[in-house]
């Protein structure tokens, strides 16, 4: 699958309540809208998007966002 598959399904991207807490903490964000934050990062033309196994990985600005490729759930995000 190429990155267009992820971009075509951007509206399906979501996370869990625990995911919000985890992503906010890991990226040291002040916003509670972590899904929108992540979507904006994914849409950036400089984002490196690739699929490995069952997950999509989106890397930009020294961070990696991990998204399940079947459910489009943001699993986590980390500073690299």
N, C-alpha and C. Protein backbone atom coordinates (compact mmCIF):
# COMPACT_ATOMS: atom_id res chain seq x y z
N UNK A 1 0.85 -1.19 0.00
CA UNK A 1 0.00 0.00 0.00
C UNK A 1 0.88 1.25 0.00
N UNK A 2 0.44 2.22 -0.73
CA UNK A 2 1.18 3.48 -0.72
C UNK A 2 0.50 4.48 0.21
N UNK A 3 1.19 5.59 0.42
CA UNK A 3 0.69 6.57 1.39
C UNK A 3 -0.65 7.19 0.99
N UNK A 4 -1.00 7.10 -0.29
CA UNK A 4 -2.29 7.65 -0.74
C UNK A 4 -3.45 6.94 -0.06
N UNK A 5 -3.27 5.67 0.27
CA UNK A 5 -4.31 4.92 0.97
C UNK A 5 -4.61 5.56 2.32
N UNK A 6 -3.58 5.92 3.05
CA UNK A 6 -3.78 6.59 4.34
C UNK A 6 -4.42 7.95 4.14
N UNK A 7 -3.90 8.72 3.20
CA UNK A 7 -4.42 10.07 2.97
C UNK A 7 -5.87 10.05 2.50
N UNK A 8 -6.24 9.02 1.71
CA UNK A 8 -7.62 8.90 1.24
C UNK A 8 -8.59 8.55 2.38
N UNK A 9 -8.07 8.03 3.46
CA UNK A 9 -8.90 7.63 4.60
C UNK A 9 -8.67 8.51 5.82
N UNK A 10 -8.21 9.72 5.60
CA UNK A 10 -7.90 10.64 6.69
C UNK A 10 -9.11 10.88 7.61
N UNK A 11 -10.30 10.88 7.03
CA UNK A 11 -11.51 11.12 7.83
C UNK A 11 -11.80 9.98 8.81
N UNK A 12 -11.19 8.83 8.62
CA UNK A 12 -11.39 7.68 9.52
C UNK A 12 -10.43 7.68 10.70
N UNK A 13 -9.42 8.53 10.67
CA UNK A 13 -8.41 8.55 11.73
C UNK A 13 -9.01 9.04 13.04
N UNK A 14 -8.75 8.29 14.09
CA UNK A 14 -9.28 8.60 15.43
C UNK A 14 -8.33 8.01 16.46
N UNK A 15 -8.64 8.19 17.72
CA UNK A 15 -7.90 7.54 18.79
C UNK A 15 -8.84 7.27 19.95
N UNK A 16 -8.35 6.61 20.95
CA UNK A 16 -9.14 6.29 22.14
C UNK A 16 -8.92 7.38 23.20
N UNK A 17 -9.69 7.31 24.27
CA UNK A 17 -9.47 8.26 25.38
C UNK A 17 -8.07 8.10 25.95
N UNK A 18 -7.64 6.85 26.09
CA UNK A 18 -6.29 6.60 26.59
C UNK A 18 -5.25 7.09 25.58
N UNK A 19 -5.57 6.98 24.30
CA UNK A 19 -4.68 7.46 23.26
C UNK A 19 -4.46 8.96 23.34
N UNK A 20 -5.52 9.69 23.63
CA UNK A 20 -5.42 11.15 23.77
C UNK A 20 -4.42 11.49 24.87
N UNK A 21 -4.58 10.83 26.00
CA UNK A 21 -3.71 11.09 27.15
C UNK A 21 -2.26 10.74 26.80
N UNK A 22 -2.06 9.57 26.19
CA UNK A 22 -0.71 9.09 25.85
C UNK A 22 -0.02 10.01 24.83
N UNK A 23 -0.74 10.37 23.77
CA UNK A 23 -0.17 11.22 22.71
C UNK A 23 0.14 12.61 23.25
N UNK A 24 -0.79 13.16 24.02
CA UNK A 24 -0.60 14.50 24.60
C UNK A 24 0.65 14.52 25.48
N UNK A 25 0.82 13.48 26.29
CA UNK A 25 1.98 13.39 27.18
C UNK A 25 3.27 13.20 26.38
N UNK A 26 3.25 12.24 25.45
CA UNK A 26 4.46 11.92 24.69
C UNK A 26 4.97 13.08 23.84
N UNK A 27 4.04 13.84 23.27
CA UNK A 27 4.43 14.97 22.41
C UNK A 27 4.45 16.29 23.16
N UNK A 28 4.11 16.25 24.44
CA UNK A 28 4.08 17.45 25.28
C UNK A 28 3.19 18.53 24.67
N UNK A 29 1.96 18.13 24.32
CA UNK A 29 1.01 19.04 23.69
C UNK A 29 0.14 19.71 24.74
N UNK A 30 -0.30 20.92 24.45
CA UNK A 30 -1.22 21.61 25.34
C UNK A 30 -2.67 21.45 24.86
N UNK A 31 -2.86 21.06 23.61
CA UNK A 31 -4.20 20.89 23.06
C UNK A 31 -4.78 19.53 23.42
N UNK A 32 -6.10 19.48 23.57
CA UNK A 32 -6.79 18.20 23.79
C UNK A 32 -7.19 17.56 22.46
N UNK A 33 -7.13 18.34 21.38
CA UNK A 33 -7.52 17.83 20.06
C UNK A 33 -6.30 17.21 19.37
N UNK A 34 -5.84 16.10 19.93
CA UNK A 34 -4.63 15.46 19.40
C UNK A 34 -4.88 14.84 18.03
N UNK A 35 -6.11 14.42 17.75
CA UNK A 35 -6.40 13.83 16.44
C UNK A 35 -6.22 14.87 15.35
N UNK A 36 -6.77 16.05 15.53
CA UNK A 36 -6.61 17.11 14.55
C UNK A 36 -5.14 17.52 14.41
N UNK A 37 -4.44 17.59 15.53
CA UNK A 37 -3.01 17.90 15.51
C UNK A 37 -2.27 16.88 14.64
N UNK A 38 -2.54 15.60 14.88
CA UNK A 38 -1.87 14.54 14.12
C UNK A 38 -2.26 14.57 12.65
N UNK A 39 -3.53 14.81 12.36
CA UNK A 39 -3.97 14.89 10.96
C UNK A 39 -3.23 16.00 10.22
N UNK A 40 -3.06 17.14 10.86
CA UNK A 40 -2.34 18.25 10.24
C UNK A 40 -0.89 17.88 9.96
N UNK A 41 -0.28 17.15 10.88
CA UNK A 41 1.10 16.69 10.67
C UNK A 41 1.16 15.69 9.51
N UNK A 42 0.18 14.79 9.44
CA UNK A 42 0.14 13.79 8.37
C UNK A 42 0.00 14.47 7.01
N UNK A 43 -0.79 15.54 6.95
CA UNK A 43 -1.02 16.24 5.70
C UNK A 43 0.16 17.10 5.24
N UNK A 44 1.10 17.37 6.11
CA UNK A 44 2.26 18.19 5.75
C UNK A 44 3.03 17.52 4.62
N UNK A 45 3.39 18.29 3.61
CA UNK A 45 4.08 17.71 2.44
C UNK A 45 5.45 17.13 2.79
N UNK A 46 6.00 17.50 3.92
CA UNK A 46 7.32 16.99 4.32
C UNK A 46 7.25 15.71 5.17
N UNK A 47 6.04 15.23 5.43
CA UNK A 47 5.88 14.04 6.25
C UNK A 47 6.27 12.80 5.46
N UNK A 48 7.11 11.97 6.07
CA UNK A 48 7.49 10.68 5.49
C UNK A 48 6.48 9.65 6.00
N UNK A 49 5.67 9.11 5.07
CA UNK A 49 4.63 8.15 5.43
C UNK A 49 5.00 6.80 4.82
N UNK A 50 4.99 5.78 5.67
CA UNK A 50 5.27 4.43 5.17
C UNK A 50 4.50 3.41 6.00
N UNK A 51 4.29 2.25 5.41
CA UNK A 51 3.58 1.17 6.08
C UNK A 51 4.56 0.04 6.36
N UNK A 52 4.50 -0.48 7.57
CA UNK A 52 5.34 -1.60 7.97
C UNK A 52 4.47 -2.52 8.80
N UNK A 53 4.27 -3.74 8.33
CA UNK A 53 3.39 -4.67 9.04
C UNK A 53 1.97 -4.15 9.05
N UNK A 54 1.37 -4.11 10.24
CA UNK A 54 -0.02 -3.68 10.36
C UNK A 54 -0.19 -2.20 10.65
N UNK A 55 0.89 -1.44 10.64
CA UNK A 55 0.81 -0.02 11.01
C UNK A 55 1.33 0.91 9.93
N UNK A 56 0.76 2.10 9.93
CA UNK A 56 1.30 3.22 9.18
C UNK A 56 2.19 4.01 10.13
N UNK A 57 3.27 4.55 9.61
CA UNK A 57 4.17 5.41 10.38
C UNK A 57 4.31 6.73 9.63
N UNK A 58 4.16 7.82 10.37
CA UNK A 58 4.25 9.16 9.80
C UNK A 58 5.31 9.91 10.59
N UNK A 59 6.38 10.29 9.91
CA UNK A 59 7.49 10.96 10.58
C UNK A 59 7.68 12.37 10.05
N UNK A 60 7.71 13.30 10.99
CA UNK A 60 7.94 14.71 10.66
C UNK A 60 8.34 15.44 11.94
N UNK A 61 9.12 16.49 11.80
CA UNK A 61 9.50 17.35 12.93
C UNK A 61 10.01 16.55 14.12
N UNK A 62 10.83 15.55 13.84
CA UNK A 62 11.44 14.74 14.90
C UNK A 62 10.41 13.98 15.74
N UNK A 63 9.28 13.59 15.10
CA UNK A 63 8.27 12.79 15.79
C UNK A 63 7.78 11.68 14.86
N UNK A 64 7.25 10.63 15.47
CA UNK A 64 6.66 9.53 14.71
C UNK A 64 5.26 9.26 15.26
N UNK A 65 4.28 9.27 14.34
CA UNK A 65 2.90 8.95 14.67
C UNK A 65 2.63 7.55 14.14
N UNK A 66 2.09 6.69 14.98
CA UNK A 66 1.80 5.31 14.60
C UNK A 66 0.30 5.11 14.51
N UNK A 67 -0.17 4.60 13.35
CA UNK A 67 -1.60 4.43 13.09
C UNK A 67 -1.84 3.00 12.64
N UNK A 68 -2.83 2.34 13.26
CA UNK A 68 -3.20 1.00 12.83
C UNK A 68 -3.80 1.08 11.43
N UNK A 69 -3.32 0.23 10.52
CA UNK A 69 -3.73 0.34 9.12
C UNK A 69 -5.12 -0.24 8.85
N UNK A 70 -5.70 -0.97 9.79
CA UNK A 70 -7.02 -1.55 9.58
C UNK A 70 -8.11 -0.68 10.20
N UNK A 71 -7.89 -0.20 11.40
CA UNK A 71 -8.90 0.59 12.11
C UNK A 71 -8.68 2.09 12.01
N UNK A 72 -7.51 2.50 11.52
CA UNK A 72 -7.13 3.92 11.44
C UNK A 72 -7.11 4.59 12.81
N UNK A 73 -6.78 3.81 13.83
CA UNK A 73 -6.64 4.34 15.18
C UNK A 73 -5.21 4.81 15.39
N UNK A 74 -5.05 6.04 15.86
CA UNK A 74 -3.72 6.51 16.23
C UNK A 74 -3.36 5.77 17.51
N UNK A 75 -2.36 4.93 17.42
CA UNK A 75 -1.94 4.12 18.56
C UNK A 75 -1.09 4.94 19.52
N UNK A 76 -0.12 5.62 18.95
CA UNK A 76 0.79 6.42 19.78
C UNK A 76 1.53 7.42 18.90
N UNK A 77 2.24 8.29 19.54
CA UNK A 77 3.14 9.23 18.87
C UNK A 77 4.30 9.50 19.82
N UNK A 78 5.47 9.60 19.25
CA UNK A 78 6.67 9.79 20.06
C UNK A 78 7.61 10.81 19.45
N UNK A 79 8.38 11.46 20.29
CA UNK A 79 9.48 12.28 19.85
C UNK A 79 10.62 11.31 19.52
N UNK A 80 11.27 11.54 18.41
CA UNK A 80 12.39 10.65 18.02
C UNK A 80 13.69 11.13 18.59
